[in-house]
Amino acid sequence: MGTIVIRRNQEHDAGELGYWIGSRFWGRGYATSAVEKILSFGFQDLGLNRMWAMVRDSNIGSRTVLEKTGFEEEALLRQARRRGSDFEDCLLYAITRRDYQSLE
């Protein structure tokens, strides 16, 4: 069905969010639900101060999930990821503990 992970940086109390959902499960709210749960785990259980995610600019579905769960776009990373023989622009999204607490 999919996977979700936090890559934790203890020194900076930060975590990189990564997730993947199989295409036959798109549009059912699974990614949004998983991100909501992992945000709770990251901020409440791990004590993180910031979480961030990088997504291909062309991935509207993932961008929507991040925005719905409180992430804000911070930067455009030009040609940041290779896809086949091409390079694609990515967007950096982030949410802080303060942002997250204001959503509750």
C-alpha atoms as a PDB file:
ATOM      1  CA  MET A   1       0.000   0.000   0.000  1.00  0.00           C
ATOM      2  CA  GLY A   2       2.748   2.466   0.947  1.00  0.00           C
ATOM      3  CA  THR A   3       5.333   3.598   3.456  1.00  0.00           C
ATOM      4  CA  ILE A   4       6.155   6.623   5.599  1.00  0.00           C
ATOM      5  CA  VAL A   5       9.358   7.506   7.460  1.00  0.00           C
ATOM      6  CA  ILE A   6      11.034  10.234   9.517  1.00  0.00           C
ATOM      7  CA  ARG A   7      14.789  10.600   9.140  1.00  0.00           C
ATOM      8  CA  ARG A   8      15.678  12.163  12.469  1.00  0.00           C
ATOM      9  CA  ASN A   9      18.479  14.656  13.097  1.00  0.00           C
ATOM     10  CA  GLN A  10      18.847  14.622  16.894  1.00  0.00           C
ATOM     11  CA  GLU A  11      21.376  17.446  16.984  1.00  0.00           C
ATOM     12  CA  HIS A  12      18.863  19.893  15.498  1.00  0.00           C
ATOM     13  CA  ASP A  13      15.618  18.278  16.756  1.00  0.00           C
ATOM     14  CA  ALA A  14      14.503  18.030  13.131  1.00  0.00           C
ATOM     15  CA  GLY A  15      13.162  15.321  10.903  1.00  0.00           C
ATOM     16  CA  GLU A  16      12.843  14.752   7.173  1.00  0.00           C
ATOM     17  CA  LEU A  17       9.494  13.289   6.180  1.00  0.00           C
ATOM     18  CA  GLY A  18       9.351  10.805   3.330  1.00  0.00           C
ATOM     19  CA  TYR A  19       6.395   8.794   2.084  1.00  0.00           C
ATOM     20  CA  TRP A  20       5.164   6.803  -0.866  1.00  0.00           C
ATOM     21  CA  ILE A  21       1.627   5.592  -1.611  1.00  0.00           C
ATOM     22  CA  GLY A  22       0.869   3.019  -4.322  1.00  0.00           C
ATOM     23  CA  SER A  23      -1.073   4.548  -7.212  1.00  0.00           C
ATOM     24  CA  ARG A  24      -4.125   2.332  -6.725  1.00  0.00           C
ATOM     25  CA  PHE A  25      -4.558   3.923  -3.268  1.00  0.00           C
ATOM     26  CA  TRP A  26      -4.322   7.557  -4.407  1.00  0.00           C
ATOM     27  CA  GLY A  27      -7.203   9.918  -3.710  1.00  0.00           C
ATOM     28  CA  ARG A  28      -8.531   8.037  -0.668  1.00  0.00           C
ATOM     29  CA  GLY A  29      -6.988  10.169   2.082  1.00  0.00           C
ATOM     30  CA  TYR A  30      -4.427   7.562   3.147  1.00  0.00           C
ATOM     31  CA  ALA A  31      -1.418   9.833   2.624  1.00  0.00           C
ATOM     32  CA  THR A  32      -3.041  12.722   4.499  1.00  0.00           C
ATOM     33  CA  SER A  33      -3.969  10.432   7.393  1.00  0.00           C
ATOM     34  CA  ALA A  34      -0.462   8.930   7.538  1.00  0.00           C
ATOM     35  CA  VAL A  35       1.191  12.365   7.494  1.00  0.00           C
ATOM     36  CA  GLU A  36      -1.113  13.580  10.291  1.00  0.00           C
ATOM     37  CA  LYS A  37      -0.132  10.563  12.414  1.00  0.00           C
ATOM     38  CA  ILE A  38       3.590  10.925  11.736  1.00  0.00           C
ATOM     39  CA  LEU A  39       3.435  14.647  12.592  1.00  0.00           C
ATOM     40  CA  SER A  40       1.887  13.786  15.942  1.00  0.00           C
ATOM     41  CA  PHE A  41       4.553  11.143  16.548  1.00  0.00           C
ATOM     42  CA  GLY A  42       7.385  13.472  15.503  1.00  0.00           C
ATOM     43  CA  PHE A  43       6.336  16.476  17.540  1.00  0.00           C
ATOM     44  CA  GLN A  44       4.788  14.785  20.573  1.00  0.00           C
ATOM     45  CA  ASP A  45       6.766  11.557  20.979  1.00  0.00           C
ATOM     46  CA  LEU A  46      10.146  12.434  19.468  1.00  0.00           C
ATOM     47  CA  GLY A  47      10.103  16.078  20.611  1.00  0.00           C
ATOM     48  CA  LEU A  48      11.079  17.449  17.199  1.00  0.00           C
ATOM     49  CA  ASN A  49      11.054  21.198  16.602  1.00  0.00           C
ATOM     50  CA  ARG A  50      10.838  21.053  12.800  1.00  0.00           C
ATOM     51  CA  MET A  51       9.890  18.604  10.091  1.00  0.00           C
ATOM     52  CA  TRP A  52      10.550  19.047   6.387  1.00  0.00           C
ATOM     53  CA  ALA A  53       9.844  17.279   3.114  1.00  0.00           C
ATOM     54  CA  MET A  54      11.066  17.638  -0.442  1.00  0.00           C
ATOM     55  CA  VAL A  55       8.637  16.931  -3.284  1.00  0.00           C
ATOM     56  CA  ARG A  56       8.878  17.119  -7.065  1.00  0.00           C
ATOM     57  CA  ASP A  57       7.313  20.368  -8.296  1.00  0.00           C
ATOM     58  CA  SER A  58       5.154  18.332 -10.695  1.00  0.00           C
ATOM     59  CA  ASN A  59       3.714  16.129  -7.903  1.00  0.00           C
ATOM     60  CA  ILE A  60       0.488  18.042  -7.238  1.00  0.00           C
ATOM     61  CA  GLY A  61      -0.973  15.234  -5.087  1.00  0.00           C
ATOM     62  CA  SER A  62       1.940  15.248  -2.653  1.00  0.00           C
ATOM     63  CA  ARG A  63       2.035  19.022  -2.538  1.00  0.00           C
ATOM     64  CA  THR A  64      -1.662  19.019  -1.644  1.00  0.00           C
ATOM     65  CA  VAL A  65      -1.124  16.473   1.153  1.00  0.00           C
ATOM     66  CA  LEU A  66       1.653  18.573   2.674  1.00  0.00           C
ATOM     67  CA  GLU A  67      -0.346  21.796   2.459  1.00  0.00           C
ATOM     68  CA  LYS A  68      -3.465  20.151   3.953  1.00  0.00           C
ATOM     69  CA  THR A  69      -1.436  18.959   6.940  1.00  0.00           C
ATOM     70  CA  GLY A  70       0.102  22.364   7.721  1.00  0.00           C
ATOM     71  CA  PHE A  71       3.391  22.329   5.830  1.00  0.00           C
ATOM     72  CA  GLU A  72       4.420  25.569   4.134  1.00  0.00           C
ATOM     73  CA  GLU A  73       6.463  25.899   0.964  1.00  0.00           C
ATOM     74  CA  GLU A  74       9.880  27.366   1.759  1.00  0.00           C
ATOM     75  CA  ALA A  75      12.058  27.009  -1.327  1.00  0.00           C
ATOM     76  CA  LEU A  76      12.389  25.932  -4.939  1.00  0.00           C
ATOM     77  CA  LEU A  77      15.325  23.571  -5.468  1.00  0.00           C
ATOM     78  CA  ARG A  78      16.172  23.703  -9.143  1.00  0.00           C
ATOM     79  CA  GLN A  79      16.986  20.407 -10.858  1.00  0.00           C
ATOM     80  CA  ALA A  80      17.299  18.711  -7.456  1.00  0.00           C
ATOM     81  CA  ARG A  81      16.292  15.173  -8.441  1.00  0.00           C
ATOM     82  CA  ARG A  82      17.018  12.954 -11.388  1.00  0.00           C
ATOM     83  CA  ARG A  83      14.112  11.179 -13.057  1.00  0.00           C
ATOM     84  CA  GLY A  84      15.443   8.950 -15.781  1.00  0.00           C
ATOM     85  CA  SER A  85      17.802  11.070 -17.844  1.00  0.00           C
ATOM     86  CA  ASP A  86      16.135  14.356 -16.830  1.00  0.00           C
ATOM     87  CA  PHE A  87      16.424  16.518 -13.740  1.00  0.00           C
ATOM     88  CA  GLU A  88      13.343  17.901 -12.027  1.00  0.00           C
ATOM     89  CA  ASP A  89      12.766  20.894  -9.815  1.00  0.00           C
ATOM     90  CA  CYS A  90      11.663  20.168  -6.258  1.00  0.00           C
ATOM     91  CA  LEU A  91       9.945  22.181  -3.580  1.00  0.00           C
ATOM     92  CA  LEU A  92      10.996  22.219   0.052  1.00  0.00           C
ATOM     93  CA  TYR A  93       8.129  22.236   2.541  1.00  0.00           C
ATOM     94  CA  ALA A  94       8.412  22.534   6.333  1.00  0.00           C
ATOM     95  CA  ILE A  95       6.381  22.759   9.512  1.00  0.00           C
ATOM     96  CA  THR A  96       7.606  23.774  12.962  1.00  0.00           C
ATOM     97  CA  ARG A  97       6.359  22.672  16.359  1.00  0.00           C
ATOM     98  CA  ARG A  98       4.780  26.131  16.783  1.00  0.00           C
ATOM     99  CA  ASP A  99       2.981  25.797  13.426  1.00  0.00           C
ATOM    100  CA  TYR A 100       1.756  22.340  14.390  1.00  0.00           C
ATOM    101  CA  GLN A 101       0.490  23.451  17.818  1.00  0.00           C
ATOM    102  CA  SER A 102      -1.492  26.289  16.237  1.00  0.00           C
ATOM    103  CA  LEU A 103      -3.340  23.682  14.085  1.00  0.00           C
ATOM    104  CA  GLU A 104      -4.554  21.669  17.094  1.00  0.00           C
END
